[in-house]
C-alpha atoms as a PDB file:
ATOM      1  CA  MET A   1      -2.442 113.341  94.673  1.00  0.00           C
ATOM      2  CA  ALA A   2      -2.624 117.309  95.022  1.00  0.00           C
ATOM      3  CA  ARG A   3      -4.985 118.949  97.545  1.00  0.00           C
ATOM      4  CA  GLY A   4      -6.773 121.711  96.484  1.00  0.00           C
ATOM      5  CA  HIS A   5      -8.168 123.105  93.501  1.00  0.00           C
ATOM      6  CA  ARG A   6      -5.970 123.639  90.735  1.00  0.00           C
ATOM      7  CA  SER A   7      -6.027 127.536  91.235  1.00  0.00           C
ATOM      8  CA  GLN A   8      -4.879 127.133  94.741  1.00  0.00           C
ATOM      9  CA  ILE A   9      -1.960 124.807  93.624  1.00  0.00           C
ATOM     10  CA  LYS A  10      -0.688 127.325  91.535  1.00  0.00           C
ATOM     11  CA  ARG A  11      -1.184 130.235  93.794  1.00  0.00           C
ATOM     12  CA  GLU A  12       0.968 128.150  96.406  1.00  0.00           C
ATOM     13  CA  ARG A  13       3.767 127.396  93.946  1.00  0.00           C
ATOM     14  CA  ASN A  14       3.983 130.898  92.557  1.00  0.00           C
ATOM     15  CA  ALA A  15       4.215 132.291  96.559  1.00  0.00           C
ATOM     16  CA  GLN A  16       7.163 129.972  96.911  1.00  0.00           C
ATOM     17  CA  LYS A  17       9.026 131.600  93.957  1.00  0.00           C
ATOM     18  CA  ASP A  18      12.277 133.671  93.969  1.00  0.00           C
ATOM     19  CA  THR A  19      11.683 137.168  93.626  1.00  0.00           C
ATOM     20  CA  ARG A  20      15.159 138.196  93.360  1.00  0.00           C
ATOM     21  CA  PRO A  21      16.146 139.623  90.027  1.00  0.00           C
ATOM     22  CA  SER A  22      18.132 137.288  87.701  1.00  0.00           C
ATOM     23  CA  ALA A  23      19.286 136.629  84.093  1.00  0.00           C
ATOM     24  CA  LYS A  24      20.200 133.261  82.166  1.00  0.00           C
ATOM     25  CA  LEU A  25      21.686 132.236  79.330  1.00  0.00           C
ATOM     26  CA  SER A  26      21.345 128.841  78.303  1.00  0.00           C
ATOM     27  CA  TYR A  27      23.640 126.691  75.534  1.00  0.00           C
ATOM     28  CA  ALA A  28      26.258 129.260  75.907  1.00  0.00           C
ATOM     29  CA  ARG A  29      29.743 128.015  73.647  1.00  0.00           C
ATOM     30  CA  VAL A  30      31.909 128.113  76.388  1.00  0.00           C
ATOM     31  CA  SER A  31      32.691 125.463  78.910  1.00  0.00           C
ATOM     32  CA  VAL A  32      31.819 125.400  82.372  1.00  0.00           C
ATOM     33  CA  GLN A  33      35.471 125.279  83.780  1.00  0.00           C
ATOM     34  CA  LYS A  34      36.107 128.435  81.675  1.00  0.00           C
ATOM     35  CA  ALA A  35      32.934 130.133  82.483  1.00  0.00           C
ATOM     36  CA  CYS A  36      33.901 129.677  86.160  1.00  0.00           C
ATOM     37  CA  PHE A  37      37.270 131.266  86.206  1.00  0.00           C
ATOM     38  CA  VAL A  38      35.339 134.536  84.882  1.00  0.00           C
ATOM     39  CA  LEU A  39      32.402 133.891  87.216  1.00  0.00           C
ATOM     40  CA  ASP A  40      34.820 133.464  90.405  1.00  0.00           C
ATOM     41  CA  ALA A  41      36.072 136.974  89.562  1.00  0.00           C
ATOM     42  CA  ILE A  42      33.186 138.564  89.879  1.00  0.00           C
ATOM     43  CA  ARG A  43      30.635 136.631  92.812  1.00  0.00           C
ATOM     44  CA  GLY A  44      29.893 138.926  95.436  1.00  0.00           C
ATOM     45  CA  LYS A  45      31.002 142.221  93.757  1.00  0.00           C
ATOM     46  CA  ASP A  46      28.662 145.238  93.485  1.00  0.00           C
ATOM     47  CA  VAL A  47      27.697 145.502  89.801  1.00  0.00           C
ATOM     48  CA  GLN A  48      29.462 148.340  88.882  1.00  0.00           C
ATOM     49  CA  THR A  49      32.774 146.761  89.822  1.00  0.00           C
ATOM     50  CA  ALA A  50      31.833 143.711  88.418  1.00  0.00           C
ATOM     51  CA  LEU A  51      31.400 145.253  85.000  1.00  0.00           C
ATOM     52  CA  GLY A  52      34.594 146.909  85.280  1.00  0.00           C
ATOM     53  CA  ILE A  53      36.404 143.458  85.589  1.00  0.00           C
ATOM     54  CA  LEU A  54      34.323 141.911  82.915  1.00  0.00           C
ATOM     55  CA  GLU A  55      35.235 145.094  80.791  1.00  0.00           C
ATOM     56  CA  TYR A  56      39.120 144.310  80.883  1.00  0.00           C
ATOM     57  CA  ASN A  57      39.193 140.592  81.279  1.00  0.00           C
ATOM     58  CA  PRO A  58      40.830 138.947  78.329  1.00  0.00           C
ATOM     59  CA  ARG A  59      39.000 135.865  78.553  1.00  0.00           C
ATOM     60  CA  TYR A  60      36.038 134.843  75.844  1.00  0.00           C
ATOM     61  CA  ALA A  61      33.825 133.945  78.620  1.00  0.00           C
ATOM     62  CA  SER A  62      33.671 137.902  80.077  1.00  0.00           C
ATOM     63  CA  SER A  63      32.107 139.523  77.107  1.00  0.00           C
ATOM     64  CA  VAL A  64      29.230 136.662  77.214  1.00  0.00           C
ATOM     65  CA  ILE A  65      29.037 136.970  80.757  1.00  0.00           C
ATOM     66  CA  GLU A  66      29.135 140.769  80.822  1.00  0.00           C
ATOM     67  CA  LYS A  67      25.772 140.837  78.286  1.00  0.00           C
ATOM     68  CA  LEU A  68      24.045 138.337  81.106  1.00  0.00           C
ATOM     69  CA  LEU A  69      25.041 140.987  83.656  1.00  0.00           C
ATOM     70  CA  LYS A  70      23.749 143.680  81.930  1.00  0.00           C
ATOM     71  CA  SER A  71      20.313 141.964  81.411  1.00  0.00           C
ATOM     72  CA  ALA A  72      20.368 140.944  84.859  1.00  0.00           C
ATOM     73  CA  ILE A  73      20.773 144.861  85.606  1.00  0.00           C
ATOM     74  CA  ALA A  74      18.188 145.853  83.191  1.00  0.00           C
ATOM     75  CA  ASN A  75      15.578 143.192  84.861  1.00  0.00           C
ATOM     76  CA  ALA A  76      15.936 143.980  88.185  1.00  0.00           C
ATOM     77  CA  GLU A  77      15.391 147.902  87.316  1.00  0.00           C
ATOM     78  CA  ASN A  78      12.440 147.367  85.009  1.00  0.00           C
ATOM     79  CA  ASN A  79      10.799 143.924  86.639  1.00  0.00           C
ATOM     80  CA  ASN A  80      11.803 144.663  90.402  1.00  0.00           C
ATOM     81  CA  GLY A  81      12.196 148.691  90.628  1.00  0.00           C
ATOM     82  CA  MET A  82      15.349 148.437  92.362  1.00  0.00           C
ATOM     83  CA  ASN A  83      18.019 151.198  92.459  1.00  0.00           C
ATOM     84  CA  VAL A  84      20.960 150.095  90.415  1.00  0.00           C
ATOM     85  CA  ASP A  85      23.798 151.780  92.814  1.00  0.00           C
ATOM     86  CA  ASN A  86      22.530 149.118  95.605  1.00  0.00           C
ATOM     87  CA  LEU A  87      22.782 145.906  93.224  1.00  0.00           C
ATOM     88  CA  TYR A  88      25.501 143.371  94.187  1.00  0.00           C
ATOM     89  CA  ILE A  89      25.870 139.600  92.481  1.00  0.00           C
ATOM     90  CA  GLU A  90      24.498 137.270  94.966  1.00  0.00           C
ATOM     91  CA  GLU A  91      24.815 133.972  93.110  1.00  0.00           C
ATOM     92  CA  CYS A  92      26.899 133.055  89.870  1.00  0.00           C
ATOM     93  CA  TYR A  93      27.251 129.901  88.474  1.00  0.00           C
ATOM     94  CA  ALA A  94      27.469 127.518  85.332  1.00  0.00           C
ATOM     95  CA  ASN A  95      26.092 124.525  84.530  1.00  0.00           C
ATOM     96  CA  LYS A  96      26.904 121.797  82.503  1.00  0.00           C
ATOM     97  CA  GLY A  97      25.004 121.724  78.760  1.00  0.00           C
ATOM     98  CA  PRO A  98      24.914 119.239  76.368  1.00  0.00           C
ATOM     99  CA  THR A  99      27.879 118.269  74.180  1.00  0.00           C
ATOM    100  CA  MET A 100      28.461 118.665  70.732  1.00  0.00           C
ATOM    101  CA  LYS A 101      30.043 115.550  68.868  1.00  0.00           C
ATOM    102  CA  ARG A 102      32.356 116.034  66.051  1.00  0.00           C
ATOM    103  CA  ILE A 103      35.045 113.875  64.115  1.00  0.00           C
ATOM    104  CA  ARG A 104      38.491 115.124  63.356  1.00  0.00           C
ATOM    105  CA  PRO A 105      40.361 113.269  60.379  1.00  0.00           C
ATOM    106  CA  ARG A 106      44.040 112.014  61.486  1.00  0.00           C
ATOM    107  CA  ALA A 107      46.498 109.961  60.099  1.00  0.00           C
ATOM    108  CA  GLN A 108      46.102 106.705  58.459  1.00  0.00           C
ATOM    109  CA  GLY A 109      42.180 106.879  58.167  1.00  0.00           C
ATOM    110  CA  ARG A 110      41.540 107.590  61.832  1.00  0.00           C
ATOM    111  CA  ALA A 111      39.140 109.534  63.204  1.00  0.00           C
ATOM    112  CA  TYR A 112      39.670 111.670  66.763  1.00  0.00           C
ATOM    113  CA  ARG A 113      36.497 113.005  68.836  1.00  0.00           C
ATOM    114  CA  ILE A 114      36.202 116.448  69.523  1.00  0.00           C
ATOM    115  CA  GLU A 115      33.861 117.372  72.160  1.00  0.00           C
ATOM    116  CA  LYS A 116      32.681 121.110  71.985  1.00  0.00           C
ATOM    117  CA  ARG A 117      31.034 121.710  75.123  1.00  0.00           C
ATOM    118  CA  THR A 118      28.309 123.858  76.109  1.00  0.00           C
ATOM    119  CA  SER A 119      27.111 125.737  79.816  1.00  0.00           C
ATOM    120  CA  HIS A 120      23.961 127.104  81.134  1.00  0.00           C
ATOM    121  CA  ILE A 121      24.920 130.142  83.003  1.00  0.00           C
ATOM    122  CA  THR A 122      22.804 131.931  85.446  1.00  0.00           C
ATOM    123  CA  ILE A 123      23.506 135.395  87.902  1.00  0.00           C
ATOM    124  CA  VAL A 124      21.525 136.389  90.484  1.00  0.00           C
ATOM    125  CA  LEU A 125      21.080 140.240  92.209  1.00  0.00           C
ATOM    126  CA  ASN A 126      20.098 141.298  94.990  1.00  0.00           C
ATOM    127  CA  GLU A 127      20.044 144.893  96.879  1.00  0.00           C
ATOM    128  CA  ARG A 128      22.476 145.873  99.839  1.00  0.00           C
END
């Protein structure tokens, strides 16, 4: 059993909360492996450099991650009052989401399984 009043427990839980600005995209229609190629390219970079990399990266995941990065920058600016020029990407990772199973008809009445993978992408920023 937890000790203390409910409001005290909530206060303690909120004190441990991460205050760094972040953005999360759930159920992105891109596999984790493909998203990680792009995330590895921008990890640790400042946000202006990262936006430039994402702008000219030919992969599909880069357009999705670019939108997510812009959202994280807006969160840092509006919610945390941070200066955009000092921001850099502290963490960025992709976790596995649910897989959609589809059927592909094949010769002689057979059916092959197609797995359409999804991912949950997270970007965490910080100030230098």
